[in-house]
Amino acid sequence: MKIHRNARTCPHCRSLIVSRVTDGGQKPTAVAREFKVTERTVSKWLKRFRAEGPPGLDDRSSRPKHIPRRYLQPGEGLRDAVFTVLHTPPSDHGFNRTSWRLSDLANVLRAQGKRSTGRSISTVIHAAGYRWKQARVALTSTDPDYRSKVEIIRSTLSRLEHEEAFFSIDEFGPFAVKMRAGRSLSGPHQVRVVPPWQRSRGSLIITAALELSKNRISHFYSQRKNTVETTKLVELLRDEYRGFRRIYYPGMPLPGIGRRDYTIESKR
């Protein structure tokens, strides 16, 4: 019989080891010392003999039960495979979404016979300069002169001096004062309920101005939205920025003037 090259004992020695314990009544420790093997080896052959009988003492194949699959590592092959998939919409591969996820990419590559890990896929994507980013909401307008007006505002901001301020003015509301859903401190058996239909406890309007160069807000609560409240806000800003030489109020409506850019000299 061909003996495994790493075997410390032959099948005959193994049968002697087993018989010393089962028939001779010796302890595994003494048998291991006699045959110059470990006690773990004695226990292994005893276990196999009791489970399979004499055939359990024969050599077994050293071939592994599970052969690990070969995964694509970061490199040109994996990069080409990943970006070939990335340049197609997920819907082409049966996914009901508009953007890719790492798990989706891994599943598509696996279906193509190109297995890789999420870490390796992420590595080649980052190495190419791509990042997973949150989409930003961009302000738009139907005004045909919107872009030119934005450029005027940017130009004015870039030329602001130390004693000058630039404001954007607007009103927020009116909105109703009602109960809103959210987290609250409740007792062990208390359930907070917010009815979908409820009577308003009042309404509120916020008239505010944002100083664009310093990101500072000035505001107050109003009862209505009209020129009186807007004028009140202008006077408030003139008092708060009394030490400023010039204050810009772009795009604010005034009676008989409409919406335009204009400047008010601040009081000293």
Protein backbone atom coordinates (compact mmCIF):
# COMPACT_ATOMS: atom_id res chain seq x y z
CA MET A 1 0.00 0.00 0.00
CA LYS A 2 1.21 3.45 -0.87
CA ILE A 3 1.68 5.48 2.30
CA HIS A 4 1.10 9.20 2.33
CA ARG A 5 4.45 11.01 2.32
CA ASN A 6 3.50 13.12 5.35
CA ALA A 7 2.18 10.18 7.39
CA ARG A 8 3.96 9.51 10.71
CA THR A 9 2.54 5.98 10.96
CA CYS A 10 1.63 3.13 8.64
CA PRO A 11 -1.75 1.31 8.68
CA HIS A 12 -0.17 -1.56 10.67
CA CYS A 13 1.13 0.81 13.35
CA ARG A 14 -2.26 2.43 13.52
CA SER A 15 -3.95 -0.88 14.15
CA LEU A 16 -1.42 -1.54 16.94
CA ILE A 17 -2.15 1.86 18.45
CA VAL A 18 -5.88 1.17 18.41
CA SER A 19 -5.49 -2.34 19.85
CA ARG A 20 -3.30 -1.09 22.71
CA VAL A 21 -6.20 1.14 23.82
CA THR A 22 -9.24 -0.97 22.95
CA ASP A 23 -7.86 -4.44 23.78
CA GLY A 24 -4.93 -3.71 26.09
CA GLY A 25 -6.72 -1.03 28.11
CA GLN A 26 -3.77 1.35 27.97
CA LYS A 27 -4.27 5.07 28.23
CA PRO A 28 -3.87 7.16 25.03
CA THR A 29 -1.08 9.12 26.71
CA ALA A 30 1.03 5.99 27.33
CA VAL A 31 0.38 4.66 23.81
CA ALA A 32 1.37 8.03 22.28
CA ARG A 33 4.64 7.95 24.25
CA GLU A 34 5.37 4.38 23.17
CA PHE A 35 4.83 5.06 19.43
CA LYS A 36 6.39 8.53 19.62
CA VAL A 37 3.30 10.33 18.33
CA THR A 38 1.02 12.92 19.89
CA GLU A 39 -2.00 12.05 21.97
CA ARG A 40 -4.08 13.87 19.38
CA THR A 41 -2.89 11.36 16.73
CA VAL A 42 -3.93 8.43 18.94
CA SER A 43 -7.37 10.00 19.46
CA LYS A 44 -7.76 10.56 15.70
CA TRP A 45 -7.15 6.89 14.81
CA LEU A 46 -9.40 5.71 17.64
CA LYS A 47 -12.19 7.93 16.36
CA ARG A 48 -11.80 6.71 12.77
CA PHE A 49 -11.66 3.06 13.85
CA ARG A 50 -14.83 3.33 15.93
CA ALA A 51 -16.64 5.12 13.09
CA GLU A 52 -15.46 3.06 10.08
CA GLY A 53 -13.71 -0.03 11.40
CA PRO A 54 -10.38 -1.25 9.93
CA PRO A 55 -10.86 0.69 6.63
CA GLY A 56 -10.75 3.89 8.65
CA LEU A 57 -7.05 3.27 9.36
CA ASP A 58 -6.06 3.52 5.68
CA ASP A 59 -4.56 6.65 4.12
CA ARG A 60 -6.89 9.21 2.66
CA SER A 61 -6.40 11.58 -0.24
CA SER A 62 -4.86 14.91 0.68
CA ARG A 63 -6.90 16.68 -1.98
CA PRO A 64 -8.88 19.53 -0.37
CA LYS A 65 -12.63 19.09 -0.14
CA HIS A 66 -13.24 22.65 -1.36
CA ILE A 67 -11.08 24.32 -4.00
CA PRO A 68 -11.29 28.12 -3.58
CA ARG A 69 -12.42 29.99 -6.67
CA ARG A 70 -10.02 32.40 -8.30
CA TYR A 71 -11.16 35.99 -7.90
CA LEU A 72 -10.08 38.77 -10.22
CA GLN A 73 -7.68 41.12 -8.46
CA PRO A 74 -7.39 44.88 -9.11
CA GLY A 75 -5.71 45.37 -12.45
CA GLU A 76 -6.36 45.95 -16.13
CA GLY A 77 -8.58 42.88 -16.55
CA LEU A 78 -10.89 43.72 -13.67
CA ARG A 79 -10.94 47.44 -14.59
CA ASP A 80 -12.03 46.71 -18.16
CA ALA A 81 -14.72 44.30 -16.98
CA VAL A 82 -16.08 46.72 -14.36
CA PHE A 83 -16.23 49.78 -16.63
CA THR A 84 -17.77 47.80 -19.46
CA VAL A 85 -20.69 47.17 -17.09
CA LEU A 86 -20.65 50.67 -15.56
CA HIS A 87 -21.04 52.30 -18.98
CA THR A 88 -24.39 50.54 -19.45
CA PRO A 89 -27.60 51.35 -17.51
CA PRO A 90 -28.59 48.93 -14.71
CA SER A 91 -31.90 48.29 -16.51
CA ASP A 92 -29.98 46.46 -19.26
CA HIS A 93 -29.01 43.86 -16.66
CA GLY A 94 -32.43 43.45 -15.02
CA PHE A 95 -32.09 45.99 -12.18
CA ASN A 96 -34.99 48.38 -11.65
CA ARG A 97 -32.90 51.41 -10.76
CA THR A 98 -30.91 54.16 -12.48
CA SER A 99 -27.60 53.98 -10.60
CA TRP A 100 -25.20 51.14 -9.84
CA ARG A 101 -24.40 49.57 -6.49
CA LEU A 102 -21.28 47.53 -5.70
CA SER A 103 -23.38 44.43 -5.04
CA ASP A 104 -25.08 44.85 -8.44
CA LEU A 105 -21.73 45.12 -10.21
CA ALA A 106 -20.45 42.00 -8.44
CA ASN A 107 -23.58 40.03 -9.42
CA VAL A 108 -23.32 41.04 -13.08
CA LEU A 109 -19.61 40.13 -13.22
CA ARG A 110 -20.35 36.78 -11.55
CA ALA A 111 -23.01 36.04 -14.18
CA GLN A 112 -20.35 36.75 -16.84
CA GLY A 113 -17.94 34.30 -15.20
CA LYS A 114 -15.73 37.06 -13.77
CA ARG A 115 -15.78 36.75 -10.01
CA SER A 116 -14.36 39.45 -7.78
CA THR A 117 -14.91 40.95 -4.35
CA GLY A 118 -16.64 44.23 -3.54
CA ARG A 119 -13.37 45.58 -2.14
CA SER A 120 -11.50 44.88 -5.40
CA ILE A 121 -14.28 46.41 -7.50
CA SER A 122 -14.29 49.51 -5.31
CA THR A 123 -10.48 49.75 -5.60
CA VAL A 124 -10.45 49.88 -9.41
CA ILE A 125 -13.31 52.40 -9.46
CA HIS A 126 -11.52 54.71 -7.01
CA ALA A 127 -8.22 54.29 -8.86
CA ALA A 128 -9.92 55.62 -12.00
CA GLY A 129 -10.96 58.78 -10.12
CA TYR A 130 -14.62 57.89 -9.61
CA ARG A 131 -16.40 58.54 -6.31
CA TRP A 132 -19.89 57.79 -4.97
CA LYS A 133 -21.35 61.30 -4.55
CA GLN A 134 -24.68 62.67 -3.43
CA ALA A 135 -26.46 64.63 -6.14
CA ARG A 136 -26.73 68.35 -5.41
CA VAL A 137 -29.93 70.28 -6.01
CA ALA A 138 -29.24 73.06 -8.51
CA LEU A 139 -31.32 76.22 -8.50
CA THR A 140 -32.96 76.98 -11.83
CA SER A 141 -35.42 79.55 -13.15
CA THR A 142 -37.67 80.12 -16.15
CA ASP A 143 -36.39 83.69 -16.34
CA PRO A 144 -34.42 84.00 -19.63
CA ASP A 145 -32.07 86.46 -17.92
CA TYR A 146 -31.48 84.16 -14.94
CA ARG A 147 -27.85 83.34 -15.75
CA SER A 148 -26.89 86.95 -16.40
CA LYS A 149 -28.48 88.04 -13.11
CA VAL A 150 -26.60 85.34 -11.22
CA GLU A 151 -23.35 86.52 -12.78
CA ILE A 152 -24.13 90.09 -11.68
CA ILE A 153 -24.64 88.91 -8.10
CA ARG A 154 -21.39 86.92 -8.17
CA SER A 155 -19.52 89.86 -9.62
CA THR A 156 -20.88 92.18 -6.93
CA LEU A 157 -19.95 89.74 -4.17
CA SER A 158 -16.42 89.39 -5.51
CA ARG A 159 -15.94 93.17 -5.34
CA LEU A 160 -17.43 93.76 -1.89
CA GLU A 161 -15.32 95.89 0.38
CA HIS A 162 -14.96 95.63 4.14
CA GLU A 163 -17.75 98.15 4.90
CA GLU A 164 -20.23 96.78 2.35
CA ALA A 165 -22.96 94.11 2.73
CA PHE A 166 -25.00 92.17 0.17
CA PHE A 167 -28.46 90.83 1.09
CA SER A 168 -30.98 88.41 -0.33
CA ILE A 169 -34.48 89.14 1.00
CA ASP A 170 -37.55 86.90 1.01
CA GLU A 171 -40.59 85.83 3.04
CA PHE A 172 -41.39 82.31 4.21
CA GLY A 173 -45.03 81.43 4.75
CA PRO A 174 -47.72 81.71 5.70
CA PHE A 175 -47.70 78.25 7.19
CA ALA A 176 -50.14 76.80 9.69
CA VAL A 177 -49.25 76.10 13.31
CA LYS A 178 -50.27 72.46 13.86
CA MET A 179 -49.12 69.31 15.62
CA ARG A 180 -46.37 67.53 13.71
CA ALA A 181 -45.23 63.94 13.81
CA GLY A 182 -41.83 63.25 15.33
CA ARG A 183 -40.04 61.82 18.33
CA SER A 184 -41.21 62.73 21.83
CA LEU A 185 -40.69 61.46 25.37
CA SER A 186 -43.53 59.02 26.09
CA GLY A 187 -44.48 56.74 28.96
CA PRO A 188 -44.27 52.90 28.88
CA HIS A 189 -47.82 52.44 27.55
CA GLN A 190 -48.32 55.85 25.96
CA VAL A 191 -48.75 56.14 22.20
CA ARG A 192 -48.54 59.61 20.69
CA VAL A 193 -51.04 60.17 17.88
CA VAL A 194 -51.09 63.07 15.42
CA PRO A 195 -54.42 63.39 13.54
CA PRO A 196 -54.09 63.89 9.78
CA TRP A 197 -56.83 66.55 9.82
CA GLN A 198 -56.69 69.16 12.57
CA ARG A 199 -57.58 72.79 13.11
CA SER A 200 -54.72 75.22 12.74
CA ARG A 201 -53.64 77.06 15.89
CA GLY A 202 -52.64 80.07 13.84
CA SER A 203 -50.34 81.00 11.00
CA LEU A 204 -46.87 82.44 10.76
CA ILE A 205 -44.78 84.36 8.24
CA ILE A 206 -41.03 84.86 8.51
CA THR A 207 -39.52 87.89 6.78
CA ALA A 208 -35.76 87.44 6.55
CA ALA A 209 -32.59 88.67 4.88
CA LEU A 210 -29.43 86.62 4.29
CA GLU A 211 -26.12 88.51 4.17
CA LEU A 212 -24.43 86.53 1.38
CA SER A 213 -20.79 87.33 2.12
CA LYS A 214 -20.95 86.37 5.82
CA ASN A 215 -23.91 83.92 5.74
CA ARG A 216 -25.68 85.84 8.52
CA ILE A 217 -29.48 85.92 8.79
CA SER A 218 -31.67 88.74 10.14
CA HIS A 219 -35.38 88.01 10.53
CA PHE A 220 -38.65 88.72 12.32
CA TYR A 221 -42.18 87.26 12.31
CA SER A 222 -44.89 89.01 10.34
CA GLN A 223 -48.67 88.90 10.14
CA ARG A 224 -48.82 89.51 6.40
CA LYS A 225 -46.64 89.80 3.29
CA ASN A 226 -46.62 93.34 1.92
CA THR A 227 -44.45 96.36 1.27
CA VAL A 228 -44.79 97.56 4.86
CA GLU A 229 -43.09 94.42 6.19
CA THR A 230 -40.37 94.63 3.55
CA THR A 231 -39.68 98.26 4.41
CA LYS A 232 -39.57 97.27 8.07
CA LEU A 233 -36.87 94.69 7.25
CA VAL A 234 -34.85 97.26 5.31
CA GLU A 235 -34.92 99.63 8.29
CA LEU A 236 -33.90 96.75 10.59
CA LEU A 237 -30.89 96.00 8.40
CA ARG A 238 -29.90 99.67 8.23
CA ASP A 239 -29.88 99.76 12.04
CA GLU A 240 -27.98 96.47 12.42
CA TYR A 241 -25.39 97.48 9.80
CA ARG A 242 -25.21 101.14 10.81
CA GLY A 243 -21.43 101.19 10.51
CA PHE A 244 -21.44 99.94 6.91
CA ARG A 245 -20.86 102.40 4.07
CA ARG A 246 -23.07 100.66 1.49
CA ILE A 247 -25.75 97.90 1.57
CA TYR A 248 -26.92 96.02 -1.53
CA TYR A 249 -30.48 94.71 -1.85
CA PRO A 250 -30.75 92.76 -5.14
CA GLY A 251 -34.05 91.83 -6.72
CA MET A 252 -36.36 93.30 -4.02
CA PRO A 253 -39.72 94.73 -5.20
CA LEU A 254 -40.64 98.33 -4.40
CA PRO A 255 -43.82 100.21 -5.34
CA GLY A 256 -43.52 101.70 -8.80
CA ILE A 257 -40.04 100.22 -9.31
CA GLY A 258 -40.60 96.46 -9.62
CA ARG A 259 -37.79 93.96 -9.24
CA ARG A 260 -34.33 95.36 -9.88
CA ASP A 261 -30.91 95.68 -8.29
CA TYR A 262 -30.40 98.82 -6.26
CA THR A 263 -28.24 100.16 -3.45
CA ILE A 264 -29.04 101.95 -0.21
CA GLU A 265 -26.47 104.10 1.53
CA SER A 266 -26.38 103.09 5.19
CA LYS A 267 -26.86 105.59 8.02
CA ARG A 268 -23.81 106.35 10.14
